[in-house]
């Protein structure tokens, strides 16, 4: 695999083989963050789905759509370097804690620089918090001089953050989220991409992702912390599920197309969140075997 390539900077392309095992190893890195963050169940999957939908709506190629989704899946990789007491704080962050959170794009950059597939997603991981007005982080680079990938992930990430619940607030409605996104166009977010998100919503293409952690898998509602529990594919009605936030054990029940939790009146502090390997395998299976990317220097 070539170590360097440019995206959207050349009319000449190079075709590269996408190694399935290397791809799975990168997806596992993204899933580790999902497992560590107790309050954002399914966030990586949803951002990946929204990013793919946006890329398709924007008319990008098959290779570019895949790269947008992959960048969305691993965009928060750098949070592995954020202390648990900050990452899983059940309240608003202090200025000092938020300063720590703001280091995660650069941490992700450092980690991915050593991965053979790192160049595929480095732009999205490093720059998804940059703004059009140059007031973002970590570099303050105006987002419109970057490739389209961090701008796509920024819109997808913002939409999911607004519509997802946290311990200190409920997620807001799509209508309210779009109002905020519209207000951020031109200063923080790419207005054309926000328009594409509106178009996707008009076609009903966001509904299968909103509030889900996988295809057909709505988030389970923890009685203590709200709809934050991602359900691995191997978990079904009657199985036991663990909430990483409140440490409670629950019995899973399928009722009227959604999953409900019955408390087992137990807390376990020795259990670890699960990585949904079936979801990762499916992501890798659907990936293109070859990618067409722009050659450097052309």
Protein backbone atom coordinates (compact mmCIF):
# COMPACT_ATOMS: atom_id res chain seq x y z
CA UNK A 1 0.00 0.00 0.00
CA UNK A 2 1.43 3.41 -0.89
CA UNK A 3 2.32 5.50 2.13
CA UNK A 4 1.31 8.79 0.49
CA UNK A 5 -1.60 9.93 -1.62
CA UNK A 6 -3.66 13.07 -2.08
CA UNK A 7 -7.44 13.33 -2.01
CA UNK A 8 -9.35 15.70 -4.31
CA UNK A 9 -6.09 17.29 -5.46
CA UNK A 10 -5.42 15.60 -8.77
CA UNK A 11 -7.10 14.44 -11.96
CA UNK A 12 -4.87 11.36 -11.98
CA UNK A 13 -5.62 8.35 -9.83
CA UNK A 14 -3.87 5.34 -8.45
CA UNK A 15 -5.62 2.09 -7.65
CA UNK A 16 -4.63 0.41 -4.40
CA UNK A 17 -5.61 -2.91 -2.89
CA UNK A 18 -7.40 -2.69 0.45
CA UNK A 19 -6.07 -5.36 2.78
CA UNK A 20 -9.00 -6.83 4.74
CA UNK A 21 -6.96 -7.77 7.81
CA UNK A 22 -5.44 -4.30 8.06
CA UNK A 23 -8.91 -2.79 7.71
CA UNK A 24 -10.26 -4.96 10.54
CA UNK A 25 -7.38 -3.90 12.76
CA UNK A 26 -8.26 -0.25 12.16
CA UNK A 27 -11.94 -0.89 12.86
CA UNK A 28 -11.02 -2.54 16.16
CA UNK A 29 -9.18 0.66 17.13
CA UNK A 30 -12.38 2.61 16.53
CA UNK A 31 -14.41 0.08 18.51
CA UNK A 32 -12.05 0.42 21.48
CA UNK A 33 -13.18 4.03 21.89
CA UNK A 34 -16.81 2.93 21.71
CA UNK A 35 -16.08 0.47 24.51
CA UNK A 36 -14.33 3.07 26.69
CA UNK A 37 -16.92 5.83 26.39
CA UNK A 38 -19.85 4.81 28.59
CA UNK A 39 -22.23 7.49 27.38
CA UNK A 40 -22.09 7.44 23.58
CA UNK A 41 -23.26 3.95 22.62
CA UNK A 42 -23.31 3.51 18.86
CA UNK A 43 -21.76 6.93 18.16
CA UNK A 44 -19.00 5.59 15.93
CA UNK A 45 -21.43 3.53 13.87
CA UNK A 46 -23.91 6.39 13.49
CA UNK A 47 -21.25 8.91 12.46
CA UNK A 48 -19.94 6.40 9.92
CA UNK A 49 -23.44 5.89 8.51
CA UNK A 50 -24.24 9.59 8.32
CA UNK A 51 -20.85 10.24 6.71
CA UNK A 52 -21.45 7.62 4.02
CA UNK A 53 -24.91 8.99 3.32
CA UNK A 54 -23.56 12.54 3.03
CA UNK A 55 -20.77 11.43 0.70
CA UNK A 56 -23.25 9.62 -1.53
CA UNK A 57 -25.63 12.60 -1.54
CA UNK A 58 -22.69 14.84 -2.48
CA UNK A 59 -22.04 12.70 -5.55
CA UNK A 60 -18.71 11.26 -4.47
CA UNK A 61 -17.26 8.08 -5.91
CA UNK A 62 -17.58 4.61 -4.41
CA UNK A 63 -14.04 4.84 -3.01
CA UNK A 64 -14.72 8.26 -1.51
CA UNK A 65 -18.00 7.13 0.06
CA UNK A 66 -16.15 4.28 1.73
CA UNK A 67 -13.40 6.61 2.98
CA UNK A 68 -15.99 9.00 4.44
CA UNK A 69 -17.58 6.12 6.35
CA UNK A 70 -14.25 4.79 7.56
CA UNK A 71 -13.18 8.25 8.70
CA UNK A 72 -16.47 8.57 10.56
CA UNK A 73 -15.98 5.25 12.29
CA UNK A 74 -12.52 6.06 13.63
CA UNK A 75 -12.80 9.86 13.97
CA UNK A 76 -12.65 9.77 17.79
CA UNK A 77 -9.77 7.29 18.00
CA UNK A 78 -7.63 9.81 19.87
CA UNK A 79 -9.98 9.71 22.86
CA UNK A 80 -8.09 6.59 23.91
CA UNK A 81 -5.58 9.05 25.39
CA UNK A 82 -8.18 10.95 27.45
CA UNK A 83 -8.42 10.00 31.17
CA UNK A 84 -11.50 7.98 32.13
CA UNK A 85 -12.59 10.54 34.71
CA UNK A 86 -12.85 13.12 31.93
CA UNK A 87 -14.13 10.91 29.11
CA UNK A 88 -16.86 9.37 31.27
CA UNK A 89 -17.73 12.35 33.41
CA UNK A 90 -21.48 12.37 34.04
CA UNK A 91 -21.70 16.17 34.01
CA UNK A 92 -20.56 19.12 31.95
CA UNK A 93 -16.81 19.46 31.55
CA UNK A 94 -14.78 22.23 33.15
CA UNK A 95 -12.59 24.43 30.95
CA UNK A 96 -9.54 22.39 31.96
CA UNK A 97 -11.27 19.11 31.16
CA UNK A 98 -12.49 20.40 27.82
CA UNK A 99 -8.91 21.43 27.02
CA UNK A 100 -7.95 17.77 27.52
CA UNK A 101 -10.79 16.61 25.25
CA UNK A 102 -9.52 19.00 22.56
CA UNK A 103 -6.26 17.06 22.37
CA UNK A 104 -7.93 13.95 20.97
CA UNK A 105 -7.59 14.81 17.25
CA UNK A 106 -3.82 15.20 17.58
CA UNK A 107 -3.59 12.01 19.64
CA UNK A 108 -5.50 10.22 16.88
CA UNK A 109 -3.10 11.66 14.31
CA UNK A 110 -0.11 10.33 16.25
CA UNK A 111 -1.61 6.87 16.65
CA UNK A 112 -2.71 6.53 13.03
CA UNK A 113 0.64 7.68 11.67
CA UNK A 114 1.95 4.23 12.62
CA UNK A 115 -0.90 2.29 10.96
CA UNK A 116 -0.46 1.16 7.33
CA UNK A 117 -3.97 2.38 6.49
CA UNK A 118 -3.57 5.59 8.48
CA UNK A 119 -3.27 7.88 5.42
CA UNK A 120 -6.79 6.88 4.38
CA UNK A 121 -8.39 8.57 7.38
CA UNK A 122 -5.72 10.90 8.77
CA UNK A 123 -7.42 14.02 7.44
CA UNK A 124 -10.81 13.15 8.93
CA UNK A 125 -9.38 12.09 12.29
CA UNK A 126 -7.08 15.09 12.66
CA UNK A 127 -9.35 17.85 11.35
CA UNK A 128 -12.99 16.96 12.07
CA UNK A 129 -13.12 19.76 14.70
CA UNK A 130 -11.71 22.45 12.41
CA UNK A 131 -14.13 25.22 11.41
CA UNK A 132 -14.68 27.20 8.24
CA UNK A 133 -13.80 30.40 10.11
CA UNK A 134 -10.47 29.00 11.30
CA UNK A 135 -11.54 28.98 14.97
CA UNK A 136 -11.49 25.21 15.35
CA UNK A 137 -8.85 22.81 16.64
CA UNK A 138 -6.22 21.38 16.75
CA UNK A 139 -4.56 23.59 14.10
CA UNK A 140 -7.05 26.40 13.44
CA UNK A 141 -6.95 25.60 9.73
CA UNK A 142 -9.98 26.94 7.81
CA UNK A 143 -11.95 23.81 6.98
CA UNK A 144 -12.58 24.80 3.37
CA UNK A 145 -8.89 24.39 2.51
CA UNK A 146 -8.96 20.79 3.76
CA UNK A 147 -10.35 17.80 1.89
CA UNK A 148 -14.08 17.18 2.04
CA UNK A 149 -13.72 14.28 4.49
CA UNK A 150 -13.24 16.21 7.76
CA UNK A 151 -16.06 18.54 6.70
CA UNK A 152 -18.36 15.55 6.14
CA UNK A 153 -17.44 14.00 9.48
CA UNK A 154 -17.90 17.36 11.22
CA UNK A 155 -21.52 17.59 10.03
CA UNK A 156 -22.22 13.93 10.86
CA UNK A 157 -20.58 14.22 14.28
CA UNK A 158 -22.44 17.44 15.13
CA UNK A 159 -25.81 16.01 14.12
CA UNK A 160 -25.29 12.88 16.19
CA UNK A 161 -24.03 14.84 19.21
CA UNK A 162 -27.15 17.01 19.14
CA UNK A 163 -29.63 14.16 18.74
CA UNK A 164 -27.98 11.75 21.21
CA UNK A 165 -28.61 11.75 24.96
CA UNK A 166 -26.03 12.40 27.65
CA UNK A 167 -26.44 11.95 31.42
CA UNK A 168 -26.82 15.71 31.85
CA UNK A 169 -29.20 16.31 28.91
CA UNK A 170 -31.60 14.56 26.56
CA UNK A 171 -30.91 14.45 22.87
CA UNK A 172 -32.91 17.03 20.94
CA UNK A 173 -35.28 16.44 18.04
CA UNK A 174 -34.20 16.39 14.41
CA UNK A 175 -36.02 19.68 13.84
CA UNK A 176 -34.18 21.39 16.70
CA UNK A 177 -30.86 19.87 15.61
CA UNK A 178 -31.27 21.12 12.05
CA UNK A 179 -32.04 24.61 13.32
CA UNK A 180 -28.72 24.64 15.18
CA UNK A 181 -26.81 23.18 12.22
CA UNK A 182 -28.29 25.83 9.93
CA UNK A 183 -27.08 28.54 12.30
CA UNK A 184 -23.56 27.09 12.19
CA UNK A 185 -23.34 27.09 8.40
CA UNK A 186 -20.60 29.32 7.04
CA UNK A 187 -18.85 29.76 10.38
CA UNK A 188 -18.38 26.23 11.67
CA UNK A 189 -19.98 23.85 9.19
CA UNK A 190 -20.07 23.45 5.43
CA UNK A 191 -23.50 24.77 4.36
CA UNK A 192 -23.65 22.62 1.24
CA UNK A 193 -23.16 19.49 3.31
CA UNK A 194 -25.82 20.60 5.80
CA UNK A 195 -28.14 21.08 2.82
CA UNK A 196 -27.33 17.51 1.78
CA UNK A 197 -28.24 16.33 5.28
CA UNK A 198 -31.58 18.13 4.96
CA UNK A 199 -32.15 16.37 1.64
CA UNK A 200 -31.39 12.98 3.18
CA UNK A 201 -33.85 13.69 5.98
CA UNK A 202 -36.50 14.68 3.44
CA UNK A 203 -36.11 11.25 1.86
CA UNK A 204 -36.32 9.50 5.24
CA UNK A 205 -32.76 8.20 4.93
CA UNK A 206 -31.63 9.27 8.41
CA UNK A 207 -34.31 7.46 10.37
CA UNK A 208 -32.69 4.02 10.23
CA UNK A 209 -29.55 5.46 11.84
CA UNK A 210 -30.94 7.98 14.31
CA UNK A 211 -31.16 6.40 17.77
CA UNK A 212 -29.57 3.14 16.60
CA UNK A 213 -26.25 1.42 17.18
CA UNK A 214 -26.51 -0.90 14.17
CA UNK A 215 -28.90 -1.71 11.36
CA UNK A 216 -32.22 -2.60 12.96
CA UNK A 217 -30.76 -2.27 16.48
CA UNK A 218 -32.23 0.71 18.35
CA UNK A 219 -30.36 1.87 21.43
CA UNK A 220 -31.58 0.33 24.69
CA UNK A 221 -32.84 2.78 27.28
CA UNK A 222 -31.01 2.46 30.60
CA UNK A 223 -33.44 3.47 33.40
CA UNK A 224 -30.60 5.41 35.04
CA UNK A 225 -28.85 7.04 32.09
CA UNK A 226 -31.22 7.01 29.13
CA UNK A 227 -30.85 5.60 25.59
CA UNK A 228 -27.11 4.96 25.61
CA UNK A 229 -26.69 1.18 25.46
CA UNK A 230 -25.52 -0.27 22.15
CA UNK A 231 -26.70 -3.84 21.68
CA UNK A 232 -24.19 -6.21 20.06
CA UNK A 233 -25.66 -8.36 17.31
CA UNK A 234 -25.36 -11.54 19.36
CA UNK A 235 -27.57 -10.11 22.14
CA UNK A 236 -31.24 -11.06 21.85
CA UNK A 237 -34.42 -11.03 23.89
CA UNK A 238 -33.87 -12.83 27.20
CA UNK A 239 -30.13 -12.18 27.31
CA UNK A 240 -28.36 -10.22 30.03
CA UNK A 241 -26.96 -6.81 29.14
CA UNK A 242 -24.57 -4.58 31.09
CA UNK A 243 -24.67 -0.79 31.30
CA UNK A 244 -21.13 0.53 31.39
CA UNK A 245 -22.35 3.86 32.80
CA UNK A 246 -24.36 2.77 35.86
CA UNK A 247 -22.80 -0.73 36.09
CA UNK A 248 -26.27 -2.26 36.28
CA UNK A 249 -27.26 -5.68 34.95
CA UNK A 250 -30.48 -5.94 32.95
CA UNK A 251 -32.56 -8.55 31.16
CA UNK A 252 -33.18 -7.65 27.54
CA UNK A 253 -36.75 -7.86 26.19
CA UNK A 254 -38.00 -7.22 22.67
CA UNK A 255 -41.32 -5.37 22.81
CA UNK A 256 -43.17 -3.66 19.94
CA UNK A 257 -40.08 -3.41 17.76
CA UNK A 258 -37.80 -1.97 20.41
CA UNK A 259 -35.72 -3.32 23.27
CA UNK A 260 -36.65 -2.81 26.91
CA UNK A 261 -34.52 -3.50 29.95
CA UNK A 262 -35.64 -5.28 33.11
CA UNK A 263 -33.39 -4.49 36.06
CA UNK A 264 -31.83 -7.51 37.76
CA UNK A 265 -31.15 -5.35 40.82
CA UNK A 266 -27.44 -6.00 40.53
CA UNK A 267 -24.37 -3.90 39.89
CA UNK A 268 -21.10 -5.31 38.56
CA UNK A 269 -17.88 -3.35 38.52
CA UNK A 270 -15.73 -6.16 37.14
CA UNK A 271 -17.36 -6.41 33.70
CA UNK A 272 -16.01 -4.82 30.55
CA UNK A 273 -18.04 -3.48 27.60
CA UNK A 274 -18.13 -5.74 24.56
CA UNK A 275 -16.81 -5.05 21.09
CA UNK A 276 -19.30 -6.11 18.44
CA UNK A 277 -16.99 -8.15 16.23
CA UNK A 278 -19.89 -9.15 13.97
CA UNK A 279 -20.51 -5.49 13.14
CA UNK A 280 -16.82 -4.94 12.37
CA UNK A 281 -16.68 -8.03 10.16
CA UNK A 282 -19.74 -6.82 8.25
CA UNK A 283 -18.17 -3.39 7.75
CA UNK A 284 -15.03 -5.01 6.38
CA UNK A 285 -17.01 -7.41 4.18
CA UNK A 286 -18.85 -4.53 2.52
CA UNK A 287 -15.68 -2.55 1.87
CA UNK A 288 -14.41 -2.27 -1.70
CA UNK A 289 -11.42 -4.46 -2.46
CA UNK A 290 -9.72 -1.71 -4.43
CA UNK A 291 -9.67 2.06 -3.94
CA UNK A 292 -9.07 4.72 -6.58
CA UNK A 293 -7.15 7.64 -5.07
CA UNK A 294 -5.38 10.67 -6.46
CA UNK A 295 -1.64 10.32 -6.99
CA UNK A 296 0.65 12.79 -5.24
CA UNK A 297 2.53 15.26 -7.37
CA UNK A 298 0.28 15.02 -10.46
